[in-house]
N, C-alpha and C. Protein backbone atom coordinates (compact mmCIF):
# COMPACT_ATOMS: atom_id res chain seq x y z
N MET A 1 10.67 7.63 -28.48
CA MET A 1 10.02 8.36 -27.26
C MET A 1 11.06 9.57 -26.55
N MET A 2 12.39 9.57 -25.69
CA MET A 2 12.68 10.47 -25.58
C MET A 2 14.30 10.37 -25.55
N ASP A 3 14.90 11.46 -25.69
CA ASP A 3 16.57 11.40 -25.63
C ASP A 3 16.95 11.40 -24.32
N GLY A 4 17.74 10.40 -24.16
CA GLY A 4 18.35 10.24 -22.90
C GLY A 4 17.48 9.43 -21.91
N ALA A 5 17.96 9.03 -20.94
CA ALA A 5 17.37 8.39 -19.85
C ALA A 5 16.31 9.21 -18.61
N ALA A 6 15.24 8.66 -18.55
CA ALA A 6 14.04 9.36 -17.69
C ALA A 6 13.54 8.38 -17.11
N LYS A 7 13.91 8.28 -15.81
CA LYS A 7 13.10 7.29 -15.09
C LYS A 7 11.73 7.09 -15.06
N VAL A 8 10.98 6.22 -14.63
CA VAL A 8 9.56 6.52 -14.90
C VAL A 8 8.75 6.23 -13.43
N THR A 9 7.88 6.72 -12.91
CA THR A 9 7.44 6.58 -11.57
C THR A 9 5.82 5.94 -11.60
N CYS A 10 5.60 5.79 -13.11
CA CYS A 10 4.13 5.61 -13.15
C CYS A 10 3.54 5.65 -14.63
N MET A 11 2.65 4.58 -15.01
CA MET A 11 1.98 4.74 -16.00
C MET A 11 0.57 4.65 -16.37
N ALA A 12 0.08 5.20 -17.30
CA ALA A 12 -1.91 4.67 -17.29
C ALA A 12 -1.89 4.52 -18.87
N TRP A 13 -3.14 3.90 -19.18
CA TRP A 13 -3.73 3.71 -20.53
C TRP A 13 -4.71 4.32 -20.44
N SER A 14 -5.52 5.20 -21.28
CA SER A 14 -7.03 5.81 -21.35
C SER A 14 -7.99 4.80 -21.51
N GLN A 15 -9.07 4.64 -21.14
CA GLN A 15 -10.13 3.61 -21.13
C GLN A 15 -10.17 3.65 -22.67
N ASN A 16 -10.24 4.72 -23.50
CA ASN A 16 -10.64 4.25 -24.82
C ASN A 16 -9.25 3.92 -25.91
N ASN A 17 -8.52 3.71 -25.02
CA ASN A 17 -7.08 3.42 -25.72
C ASN A 17 -6.51 4.17 -26.64
N ALA A 18 -6.66 5.49 -26.69
CA ALA A 18 -6.18 6.30 -27.71
C ALA A 18 -4.99 7.04 -26.87
N LYS A 19 -4.86 7.00 -25.53
CA LYS A 19 -3.84 7.71 -25.04
C LYS A 19 -3.17 6.82 -23.80
N PHE A 20 -1.74 7.07 -23.94
CA PHE A 20 -0.98 6.50 -22.83
C PHE A 20 -0.29 7.80 -21.82
N ALA A 21 -0.20 7.60 -20.93
CA ALA A 21 0.50 8.61 -19.88
C ALA A 21 2.00 8.06 -19.56
N VAL A 22 2.69 8.65 -19.30
CA VAL A 22 3.89 8.36 -18.63
C VAL A 22 4.26 9.32 -17.68
N CYS A 23 4.57 9.12 -16.57
CA CYS A 23 5.23 10.18 -15.49
C CYS A 23 6.77 9.72 -15.13
N THR A 24 7.59 10.87 -15.08
CA THR A 24 8.89 10.76 -15.04
C THR A 24 9.37 11.26 -13.55
N VAL A 25 10.54 10.84 -13.56
CA VAL A 25 10.98 11.44 -11.88
C VAL A 25 11.08 12.85 -11.66
N ASP A 26 10.94 13.58 -13.31
CA ASP A 26 10.91 15.14 -12.88
C ASP A 26 9.54 15.46 -13.02
N ARG A 27 8.76 14.73 -12.55
CA ARG A 27 7.19 15.24 -12.42
C ARG A 27 6.53 15.59 -13.75
N VAL A 28 7.08 15.29 -14.68
CA VAL A 28 6.32 15.49 -15.62
C VAL A 28 5.35 14.30 -16.58
N VAL A 29 4.13 14.99 -17.07
CA VAL A 29 3.58 13.82 -17.67
C VAL A 29 3.39 13.75 -19.03
N LEU A 30 3.89 12.90 -19.48
CA LEU A 30 4.13 12.79 -20.73
C LEU A 30 3.06 11.90 -22.11
N LEU A 31 2.24 12.43 -22.71
CA LEU A 31 1.19 11.81 -23.50
C LEU A 31 1.26 11.36 -24.71
N TYR A 32 1.16 10.17 -24.83
CA TYR A 32 1.55 9.07 -26.08
C TYR A 32 -0.12 8.64 -27.19
N ASP A 33 0.12 9.13 -28.38
CA ASP A 33 -0.92 8.29 -28.67
C ASP A 33 -1.32 6.51 -28.88
N GLU A 34 -1.63 6.12 -29.26
CA GLU A 34 -1.78 4.63 -29.77
C GLU A 34 -0.68 3.80 -30.17
N HIS A 35 -0.04 5.07 -31.20
CA HIS A 35 1.08 4.42 -32.18
C HIS A 35 2.24 4.59 -31.51
N GLY A 36 2.57 5.29 -30.16
CA GLY A 36 3.66 5.35 -29.58
C GLY A 36 4.27 6.83 -29.79
N GLU A 37 3.40 7.65 -30.41
CA GLU A 37 4.29 9.18 -30.83
C GLU A 37 3.70 10.23 -29.63
N ARG A 38 4.50 10.52 -29.13
CA ARG A 38 4.73 11.67 -28.03
C ARG A 38 3.70 12.78 -28.71
N ARG A 39 2.87 13.18 -28.12
CA ARG A 39 1.76 13.88 -28.66
C ARG A 39 1.62 15.23 -27.82
N ASP A 40 1.69 15.20 -26.53
CA ASP A 40 1.68 16.37 -25.65
C ASP A 40 2.35 15.95 -24.23
N LYS A 41 2.61 16.83 -23.40
CA LYS A 41 3.33 16.85 -21.74
C LYS A 41 2.74 17.80 -20.97
N PHE A 42 2.53 17.80 -19.63
CA PHE A 42 2.58 18.61 -19.03
C PHE A 42 3.11 18.78 -17.52
N SER A 43 3.43 19.48 -16.88
CA SER A 43 4.10 19.50 -15.37
C SER A 43 3.11 19.45 -14.45
N THR A 44 3.29 18.51 -13.66
CA THR A 44 2.50 18.52 -12.16
C THR A 44 2.96 19.65 -11.21
N LYS A 45 2.17 19.93 -10.27
CA LYS A 45 2.40 20.87 -9.62
C LYS A 45 2.38 20.55 -7.67
N PRO A 46 3.33 20.92 -7.19
CA PRO A 46 3.08 20.35 -5.95
C PRO A 46 2.03 21.14 -5.05
N ALA A 47 1.97 20.33 -4.05
CA ALA A 47 0.84 20.81 -3.04
C ALA A 47 0.84 22.15 -2.54
N ASP A 48 2.08 22.21 -2.24
CA ASP A 48 2.38 23.76 -1.42
C ASP A 48 3.84 23.92 -2.08
N MET A 49 3.80 25.40 -2.32
CA MET A 49 5.07 26.05 -2.52
C MET A 49 6.22 26.86 -1.53
N LYS A 50 5.39 26.50 -0.15
CA LYS A 50 6.10 27.39 0.79
C LYS A 50 7.48 26.73 1.46
N VAL A 51 8.06 27.34 2.14
CA VAL A 51 9.17 26.85 3.19
C VAL A 51 8.54 26.69 4.18
N GLU A 52 8.94 25.66 5.21
CA GLU A 52 8.21 25.86 6.87
C GLU A 52 9.27 25.66 7.39
N ARG A 53 9.39 26.91 8.43
CA ARG A 53 10.32 27.04 9.46
C ARG A 53 10.17 27.02 10.90
N THR A 54 10.85 26.04 11.65
CA THR A 54 10.16 25.61 12.75
C THR A 54 11.67 25.86 13.56
N ARG A 55 11.50 26.35 14.80
CA ARG A 55 12.29 26.81 15.83
C ARG A 55 13.07 25.46 16.56
N VAL A 56 13.93 24.74 16.05
CA VAL A 56 15.11 23.82 17.08
C VAL A 56 15.14 24.12 18.20
N CYS A 57 15.80 25.22 18.46
CA CYS A 57 16.24 25.27 19.98
C CYS A 57 16.13 27.17 19.81
N SER A 58 16.52 27.91 20.59
CA SER A 58 16.21 29.51 21.10
C SER A 58 16.81 30.10 19.77
N ASN A 59 18.08 29.67 19.36
CA ASN A 59 18.96 30.33 18.16
C ASN A 59 18.74 30.11 16.97
N THR A 60 18.35 28.37 16.65
CA THR A 60 18.36 27.74 15.41
C THR A 60 16.85 27.64 15.24
N LEU A 61 17.05 27.95 13.25
CA LEU A 61 15.69 27.23 12.96
C LEU A 61 16.15 26.21 11.66
N SER A 62 15.00 25.37 11.72
CA SER A 62 15.04 24.64 10.84
C SER A 62 13.89 24.55 9.73
N GLU A 63 14.81 24.14 8.78
CA GLU A 63 13.40 24.32 7.22
C GLU A 63 13.71 23.27 6.52
N LYS A 64 11.92 23.19 6.26
CA LYS A 64 11.48 22.05 5.57
C LYS A 64 11.02 22.40 4.28
N ALA A 65 11.76 22.62 3.11
CA ALA A 65 11.28 22.86 2.24
C ALA A 65 10.40 21.72 1.36
N TYR A 66 9.19 22.85 0.64
CA TYR A 66 8.34 22.08 -0.07
C TYR A 66 8.47 22.93 -1.51
N GLY A 67 7.59 22.16 -2.67
CA GLY A 67 7.86 22.96 -4.05
C GLY A 67 8.08 22.05 -4.94
N ARG A 68 8.69 22.44 -5.94
CA ARG A 68 8.74 21.47 -7.02
C ARG A 68 9.48 20.26 -7.30
N LYS A 69 10.39 20.21 -6.28
CA LYS A 69 11.13 18.67 -5.99
C LYS A 69 10.86 18.25 -4.63
N SER A 70 9.94 18.65 -3.90
CA SER A 70 9.55 17.94 -2.86
C SER A 70 8.58 16.53 -3.01
N TYR A 71 8.41 16.29 -4.22
CA TYR A 71 7.15 15.33 -4.08
C TYR A 71 7.52 14.20 -5.21
N MET A 72 6.59 12.96 -5.21
CA MET A 72 7.08 12.14 -6.29
C MET A 72 5.39 11.77 -6.79
N VAL A 73 5.37 11.44 -8.24
CA VAL A 73 4.18 11.09 -8.64
C VAL A 73 4.07 9.65 -8.24
N LYS A 74 3.13 9.17 -7.53
CA LYS A 74 3.09 7.69 -7.12
C LYS A 74 2.06 6.70 -7.94
N GLY A 75 0.94 7.40 -8.57
CA GLY A 75 -0.27 6.98 -9.17
C GLY A 75 -0.93 7.92 -10.10
N MET A 76 -1.17 7.06 -11.53
CA MET A 76 -2.14 8.04 -12.59
C MET A 76 -3.07 6.85 -12.92
N ALA A 77 -4.50 7.47 -13.22
CA ALA A 77 -5.25 6.85 -13.86
C ALA A 77 -6.51 7.83 -14.48
N PHE A 78 -6.83 7.50 -15.46
CA PHE A 78 -7.69 8.47 -16.48
C PHE A 78 -9.05 7.90 -15.95
N SER A 79 -9.64 9.08 -16.02
CA SER A 79 -11.36 9.11 -15.93
C SER A 79 -11.81 7.80 -17.26
N PRO A 80 -12.99 7.43 -16.66
CA PRO A 80 -13.62 6.72 -17.58
C PRO A 80 -14.25 7.18 -19.21
N ASP A 81 -14.31 8.28 -19.17
CA ASP A 81 -14.14 8.97 -20.60
C ASP A 81 -13.30 9.48 -21.15
N SER A 82 -12.16 9.29 -20.40
CA SER A 82 -10.49 9.44 -20.88
C SER A 82 -10.25 10.72 -21.22
N THR A 83 -11.25 11.92 -20.57
CA THR A 83 -11.10 13.24 -20.94
C THR A 83 -10.13 13.74 -19.57
N LYS A 84 -10.24 13.08 -18.25
CA LYS A 84 -9.17 13.56 -17.12
C LYS A 84 -8.51 12.66 -16.74
N ILE A 85 -7.28 13.07 -15.84
CA ILE A 85 -6.37 12.06 -15.42
C ILE A 85 -6.05 12.58 -13.88
N ALA A 86 -6.20 11.61 -13.46
CA ALA A 86 -5.88 11.72 -11.80
C ALA A 86 -4.24 11.59 -11.54
N ILE A 87 -3.82 12.15 -10.45
CA ILE A 87 -2.36 12.44 -10.28
C ILE A 87 -2.09 12.14 -8.83
N GLY A 88 -1.86 11.30 -8.44
CA GLY A 88 -1.54 11.07 -6.79
C GLY A 88 -0.13 11.13 -6.37
N GLN A 89 0.13 11.68 -5.53
CA GLN A 89 1.24 12.23 -4.79
C GLN A 89 1.60 12.15 -3.60
N THR A 90 3.41 12.36 -3.56
CA THR A 90 3.63 11.80 -2.19
C THR A 90 3.67 13.11 -1.16
N ASP A 91 3.12 14.55 -1.88
CA ASP A 91 3.09 15.38 -0.88
C ASP A 91 1.42 15.52 -0.31
N ASN A 92 1.03 14.19 -0.32
CA ASN A 92 -0.42 14.40 0.78
C ASN A 92 -1.78 14.97 -0.38
N ILE A 93 -1.31 14.72 -1.72
CA ILE A 93 -2.84 15.46 -2.56
C ILE A 93 -2.77 14.46 -3.85
N ILE A 94 -4.33 14.59 -4.23
CA ILE A 94 -4.50 14.13 -5.40
C ILE A 94 -4.96 15.07 -6.38
N TYR A 95 -4.47 15.41 -7.63
CA TYR A 95 -5.19 16.62 -8.46
C TYR A 95 -5.39 15.76 -9.60
N VAL A 96 -6.95 16.12 -10.07
CA VAL A 96 -7.57 15.75 -11.33
C VAL A 96 -7.35 16.63 -12.55
N TYR A 97 -6.55 16.68 -13.57
CA TYR A 97 -6.23 17.56 -14.54
C TYR A 97 -7.59 17.35 -15.73
N LYS A 98 -7.91 18.21 -16.01
CA LYS A 98 -9.14 18.05 -17.32
C LYS A 98 -7.93 18.17 -18.51
N ILE A 99 -7.78 17.15 -19.19
CA ILE A 99 -6.86 17.41 -20.54
C ILE A 99 -7.62 16.97 -21.71
N GLY A 100 -8.78 17.18 -21.62
CA GLY A 100 -9.54 17.14 -22.98
C GLY A 100 -9.75 16.09 -23.68
N GLU A 101 -10.16 16.38 -24.81
CA GLU A 101 -10.22 15.34 -26.16
C GLU A 101 -9.32 15.29 -27.00
N ASP A 102 -9.07 16.31 -27.13
CA ASP A 102 -8.05 16.78 -28.78
C ASP A 102 -6.22 16.88 -27.84
N TRP A 103 -5.73 16.53 -28.75
CA TRP A 103 -4.22 16.90 -28.62
C TRP A 103 -3.92 18.15 -28.31
N GLY A 104 -3.25 18.76 -27.56
CA GLY A 104 -3.14 19.99 -27.13
C GLY A 104 -3.90 20.86 -26.40
N ASP A 105 -5.17 20.06 -26.11
CA ASP A 105 -6.16 21.02 -25.25
C ASP A 105 -5.48 21.57 -23.75
N LYS A 106 -6.41 22.59 -23.20
CA LYS A 106 -5.48 23.12 -22.35
C LYS A 106 -5.58 22.18 -21.20
N LYS A 107 -4.35 22.04 -20.19
CA LYS A 107 -4.52 21.00 -19.10
C LYS A 107 -4.87 21.89 -17.62
N VAL A 108 -5.97 21.81 -17.10
CA VAL A 108 -6.50 22.66 -15.88
C VAL A 108 -6.87 21.68 -14.68
N ILE A 109 -6.89 22.20 -13.51
CA ILE A 109 -6.96 21.48 -12.40
C ILE A 109 -8.50 21.43 -12.44
N CYS A 110 -9.16 20.30 -12.21
CA CYS A 110 -10.36 20.57 -11.88
C CYS A 110 -11.22 19.90 -10.35
N ASN A 111 -10.09 19.25 -9.80
CA ASN A 111 -10.40 19.02 -8.70
C ASN A 111 -8.63 18.62 -7.83
N LYS A 112 -9.23 18.79 -6.38
CA LYS A 112 -7.89 18.29 -5.64
C LYS A 112 -8.54 17.93 -4.38
N PHE A 113 -7.88 16.65 -3.82
CA PHE A 113 -8.16 15.93 -2.59
C PHE A 113 -6.93 16.11 -1.99
N ILE A 114 -6.76 17.00 -0.65
CA ILE A 114 -5.85 16.84 0.21
C ILE A 114 -6.22 15.89 1.15
N GLN A 115 -4.88 14.78 1.36
CA GLN A 115 -5.37 13.64 2.41
C GLN A 115 -3.97 13.91 3.71
N THR A 116 -4.07 13.02 4.50
CA THR A 116 -3.04 13.11 5.56
C THR A 116 -1.80 12.35 5.65
N SER A 117 -1.95 11.66 4.53
CA SER A 117 -0.34 10.91 3.94
C SER A 117 -0.14 10.63 2.94
N ALA A 118 0.84 10.27 2.05
CA ALA A 118 1.28 10.12 0.92
C ALA A 118 0.61 9.23 0.40
N VAL A 119 -0.01 9.48 -0.99
CA VAL A 119 -0.79 8.92 -1.72
C VAL A 119 0.15 7.99 -2.27
N THR A 120 -0.27 6.70 -2.57
CA THR A 120 0.75 5.36 -2.89
C THR A 120 0.09 4.94 -4.01
N CYS A 121 -1.08 4.68 -4.35
CA CYS A 121 -1.53 4.33 -5.77
C CYS A 121 -3.23 4.44 -5.82
N LEU A 122 -3.45 4.45 -6.99
CA LEU A 122 -5.08 4.88 -7.11
C LEU A 122 -5.57 4.39 -8.54
N GLN A 123 -6.85 4.25 -8.80
CA GLN A 123 -7.60 3.59 -9.95
C GLN A 123 -9.13 4.70 -10.07
N TRP A 124 -9.30 4.70 -11.08
CA TRP A 124 -10.24 5.40 -11.24
C TRP A 124 -11.64 4.56 -12.19
N PRO A 125 -12.08 3.65 -11.32
CA PRO A 125 -13.20 2.51 -11.69
C PRO A 125 -14.46 3.18 -12.06
N ALA A 126 -15.03 4.37 -11.76
CA ALA A 126 -16.59 4.51 -12.32
C ALA A 126 -16.45 6.22 -12.37
N GLU A 127 -17.66 6.55 -12.85
CA GLU A 127 -17.53 8.07 -13.44
C GLU A 127 -16.92 9.16 -12.44
N TYR A 128 -17.73 9.22 -11.54
CA TYR A 128 -17.04 10.28 -10.37
C TYR A 128 -16.11 9.60 -9.60
N ILE A 129 -15.77 8.36 -9.62
CA ILE A 129 -14.94 7.90 -8.14
C ILE A 129 -13.81 7.54 -8.37
N ILE A 130 -12.61 7.82 -7.53
CA ILE A 130 -11.31 7.45 -7.78
C ILE A 130 -11.03 6.77 -6.04
N VAL A 131 -10.26 5.65 -6.51
CA VAL A 131 -10.09 4.45 -5.41
C VAL A 131 -8.78 4.96 -5.21
N PHE A 132 -7.86 5.17 -3.82
CA PHE A 132 -6.74 5.27 -3.59
C PHE A 132 -6.08 4.93 -2.38
N GLY A 133 -4.91 4.47 -2.42
CA GLY A 133 -4.14 4.23 -0.95
C GLY A 133 -3.19 4.77 -0.72
N LEU A 134 -3.04 4.91 0.87
CA LEU A 134 -2.02 6.14 1.38
C LEU A 134 -1.14 5.36 1.99
N ALA A 135 -0.17 5.96 2.31
CA ALA A 135 0.95 5.38 2.81
C ALA A 135 0.70 4.95 4.73
N GLU A 136 -0.38 5.44 4.88
CA GLU A 136 -0.58 5.16 6.49
C GLU A 136 -1.58 3.91 6.63
N GLY A 137 -1.71 3.49 5.32
CA GLY A 137 -2.61 2.36 5.46
C GLY A 137 -4.38 2.25 4.82
N LYS A 138 -4.49 3.23 4.85
CA LYS A 138 -5.95 3.77 4.60
C LYS A 138 -6.18 3.25 3.02
N VAL A 139 -7.46 2.89 2.69
CA VAL A 139 -8.30 2.71 1.14
C VAL A 139 -9.30 3.90 1.23
N ARG A 140 -8.99 4.71 0.50
CA ARG A 140 -10.24 5.88 0.40
C ARG A 140 -10.56 6.20 -0.88
N LEU A 141 -11.86 6.84 -1.08
CA LEU A 141 -12.34 7.18 -2.23
C LEU A 141 -12.81 8.41 -2.39
N ALA A 142 -12.34 9.16 -3.34
CA ALA A 142 -12.50 10.60 -3.80
C ALA A 142 -13.77 10.72 -4.73
N ASN A 143 -14.75 11.31 -4.56
CA ASN A 143 -15.82 11.94 -5.53
C ASN A 143 -15.69 13.10 -6.27
N THR A 144 -15.25 12.86 -7.47
CA THR A 144 -15.09 13.99 -8.37
C THR A 144 -16.40 15.08 -8.45
N LYS A 145 -17.54 14.54 -8.24
CA LYS A 145 -18.36 15.23 -8.32
C LYS A 145 -19.00 16.35 -6.97
N THR A 146 -18.67 15.45 -5.82
CA THR A 146 -19.00 16.57 -4.49
C THR A 146 -17.38 17.20 -4.09
N ASN A 147 -16.36 16.55 -4.60
CA ASN A 147 -15.30 17.36 -4.44
C ASN A 147 -14.96 16.70 -2.76
N LYS A 148 -15.27 15.71 -2.41
CA LYS A 148 -15.23 15.04 -0.80
C LYS A 148 -14.12 14.01 -1.37
N SER A 149 -13.60 13.70 -0.06
CA SER A 149 -13.00 11.82 0.12
C SER A 149 -13.60 11.51 1.14
N SER A 150 -13.31 9.85 1.33
CA SER A 150 -13.87 9.43 2.82
C SER A 150 -13.02 7.99 2.83
N THR A 151 -12.81 7.48 3.59
CA THR A 151 -12.37 6.33 4.26
C THR A 151 -13.48 5.03 3.76
N ILE A 152 -12.57 4.45 2.82
CA ILE A 152 -13.75 3.26 2.66
C ILE A 152 -13.06 1.64 3.86
N TYR A 153 -11.86 1.61 4.01
CA TYR A 153 -11.37 0.76 5.07
C TYR A 153 -10.02 1.32 5.66
N GLY A 154 -9.58 1.11 6.93
CA GLY A 154 -8.14 1.09 7.09
C GLY A 154 -7.37 0.12 7.22
N THR A 155 -6.23 0.09 7.20
CA THR A 155 -5.38 -1.09 7.66
C THR A 155 -3.88 -0.39 8.35
N ASP A 156 -3.34 -0.99 9.15
CA ASP A 156 -2.11 -0.51 9.71
C ASP A 156 -0.77 -0.49 8.77
N SER A 157 -1.14 -0.92 7.37
CA SER A 157 0.09 -1.40 6.39
C SER A 157 0.20 -0.60 5.01
N TYR A 158 0.97 0.48 4.52
CA TYR A 158 1.38 0.77 3.66
C TYR A 158 0.59 0.43 2.45
N VAL A 159 -0.25 1.26 2.04
CA VAL A 159 -1.00 0.32 0.50
C VAL A 159 0.05 0.31 -0.66
N VAL A 160 0.41 -0.75 -0.94
CA VAL A 160 1.20 -0.87 -2.17
C VAL A 160 0.86 -0.66 -3.62
N ALA A 161 -0.45 -1.39 -3.81
CA ALA A 161 -0.95 -1.47 -4.87
C ALA A 161 -2.63 -1.75 -4.76
N LEU A 162 -3.27 -1.24 -6.19
CA LEU A 162 -4.91 -1.30 -5.82
C LEU A 162 -4.93 -1.96 -7.08
N THR A 163 -6.18 -2.50 -7.50
CA THR A 163 -7.07 -2.83 -8.79
C THR A 163 -8.09 -3.29 -8.58
N THR A 164 -9.11 -3.11 -9.81
CA THR A 164 -10.49 -3.19 -9.38
C THR A 164 -11.03 -4.27 -10.17
N ASN A 165 -12.40 -4.75 -10.28
CA ASN A 165 -12.30 -5.66 -11.11
C ASN A 165 -13.27 -4.97 -12.44
N CYS A 166 -13.78 -5.75 -13.18
CA CYS A 166 -14.06 -4.88 -14.46
C CYS A 166 -15.16 -4.25 -14.48
N SER A 167 -16.16 -4.66 -13.67
CA SER A 167 -17.28 -3.82 -13.44
C SER A 167 -16.89 -2.10 -12.53
N GLY A 168 -15.86 -2.26 -12.03
CA GLY A 168 -15.33 -1.37 -10.97
C GLY A 168 -16.18 -1.41 -9.58
N LYS A 169 -17.03 -2.41 -9.22
CA LYS A 169 -17.42 -2.24 -8.09
C LYS A 169 -17.03 -3.22 -6.91
N GLY A 170 -15.69 -3.96 -7.29
CA GLY A 170 -15.05 -4.62 -6.25
C GLY A 170 -13.57 -4.47 -6.71
N ILE A 171 -12.72 -4.38 -5.23
CA ILE A 171 -11.60 -3.76 -5.37
C ILE A 171 -10.64 -4.72 -4.52
N LEU A 172 -9.34 -4.70 -4.85
CA LEU A 172 -8.03 -5.69 -3.85
C LEU A 172 -7.56 -4.46 -3.74
N SER A 173 -6.49 -4.66 -2.54
CA SER A 173 -5.44 -3.64 -2.12
C SER A 173 -4.53 -4.68 -1.34
N GLY A 174 -3.15 -4.54 -2.15
CA GLY A 174 -1.79 -5.36 -1.53
C GLY A 174 -1.52 -4.31 -0.52
N HIS A 175 -0.96 -4.81 0.83
CA HIS A 175 -0.21 -4.01 1.54
C HIS A 175 0.91 -4.52 1.70
N ALA A 176 2.27 -3.64 2.63
CA ALA A 176 3.67 -3.78 2.61
C ALA A 176 3.68 -5.01 3.66
N ASP A 177 2.78 -5.57 4.40
CA ASP A 177 2.70 -6.57 5.44
C ASP A 177 2.56 -7.83 4.85
N GLY A 178 1.96 -7.69 3.47
CA GLY A 178 1.35 -9.36 2.64
C GLY A 178 0.21 -9.25 2.46
N THR A 179 -0.35 -8.42 3.21
CA THR A 179 -1.90 -8.92 2.93
C THR A 179 -2.41 -8.42 1.77
N ILE A 180 -3.61 -8.76 1.75
CA ILE A 180 -4.29 -8.23 0.40
C ILE A 180 -5.85 -8.29 0.93
N VAL A 181 -6.31 -7.36 0.88
CA VAL A 181 -7.59 -7.01 1.21
C VAL A 181 -8.76 -6.87 0.04
N ARG A 182 -10.12 -7.63 0.18
CA ARG A 182 -10.91 -7.49 -1.14
C ARG A 182 -11.97 -6.90 -0.74
N TYR A 183 -12.63 -6.04 -1.12
CA TYR A 183 -13.92 -5.25 -0.90
C TYR A 183 -14.90 -4.90 -2.11
N PHE A 184 -16.01 -5.16 -1.90
CA PHE A 184 -17.25 -4.67 -2.80
C PHE A 184 -18.07 -3.61 -2.20
N PHE A 185 -18.06 -2.90 -3.52
CA PHE A 185 -19.28 -1.72 -3.42
C PHE A 185 -20.54 -2.57 -3.32
N ASP A 186 -20.67 -3.31 -4.20
CA ASP A 186 -21.90 -4.12 -4.72
C ASP A 186 -21.42 -5.24 -5.04
N ASP A 187 -21.76 -6.70 -4.40
CA ASP A 187 -21.30 -8.11 -4.67
C ASP A 187 -22.10 -8.19 -5.97
N GLU A 188 -22.83 -7.63 -6.78
CA GLU A 188 -23.15 -7.70 -8.00
C GLU A 188 -24.09 -9.36 -7.97
N GLY A 189 -24.63 -9.70 -6.95
CA GLY A 189 -25.99 -10.79 -6.73
C GLY A 189 -24.88 -12.02 -6.46
N SER A 190 -23.59 -11.83 -6.17
CA SER A 190 -22.69 -13.14 -6.28
C SER A 190 -22.91 -13.77 -4.57
N GLY A 191 -23.37 -12.83 -3.77
CA GLY A 191 -23.62 -13.50 -2.31
C GLY A 191 -22.09 -13.65 -1.74
N GLU A 192 -21.09 -13.27 -2.13
CA GLU A 192 -19.97 -13.07 -1.74
C GLU A 192 -19.63 -12.31 -0.69
N SER A 193 -19.10 -12.70 0.43
CA SER A 193 -18.78 -11.53 1.39
C SER A 193 -17.32 -10.68 1.61
N GLN A 194 -17.33 -9.91 2.39
CA GLN A 194 -16.07 -8.91 2.24
C GLN A 194 -14.84 -9.80 2.76
N VAL A 195 -13.71 -10.01 2.57
CA VAL A 195 -12.42 -10.45 3.27
C VAL A 195 -11.40 -10.02 3.66
């Protein structure tokens, strides 16, 4: 795999089982084939590279640095066709990278979704639909076709984890306060209600 220790922040398998992605604390995504051979890698990018200066008192400036080391990758998911990967970051953004079908294809950002708080986890259950959780407790949906995002539901507790059912039409979200929320986009004829 790698020489030396490299802490992992998240991992994801592609839908076609041909690619496995690992993101390290260095914010680098390593891509492996189905045999565990590293075949490719790319660096993620911050939402913003600026330095924000605010006046604390009449003669003192406080700086808040943004940039390459100011965020962590908290969630990754491959698209259903395995040619793209969504990256959720603590600097309030999701980037969607087109990684292509073949090893070594150029990595290009094709979508970005700016949020109001840190992205904590994400899933890509359907062709154009990414579902993700935020530190502020909202579960949202990003549409890669329209490049817009919207809130599915909101809670008052940090979203720790998300999962989808096999059809991608139902989700469960786990929250820091111990609650689990079940949501259906379509109950698929089961007659089950939202809980």
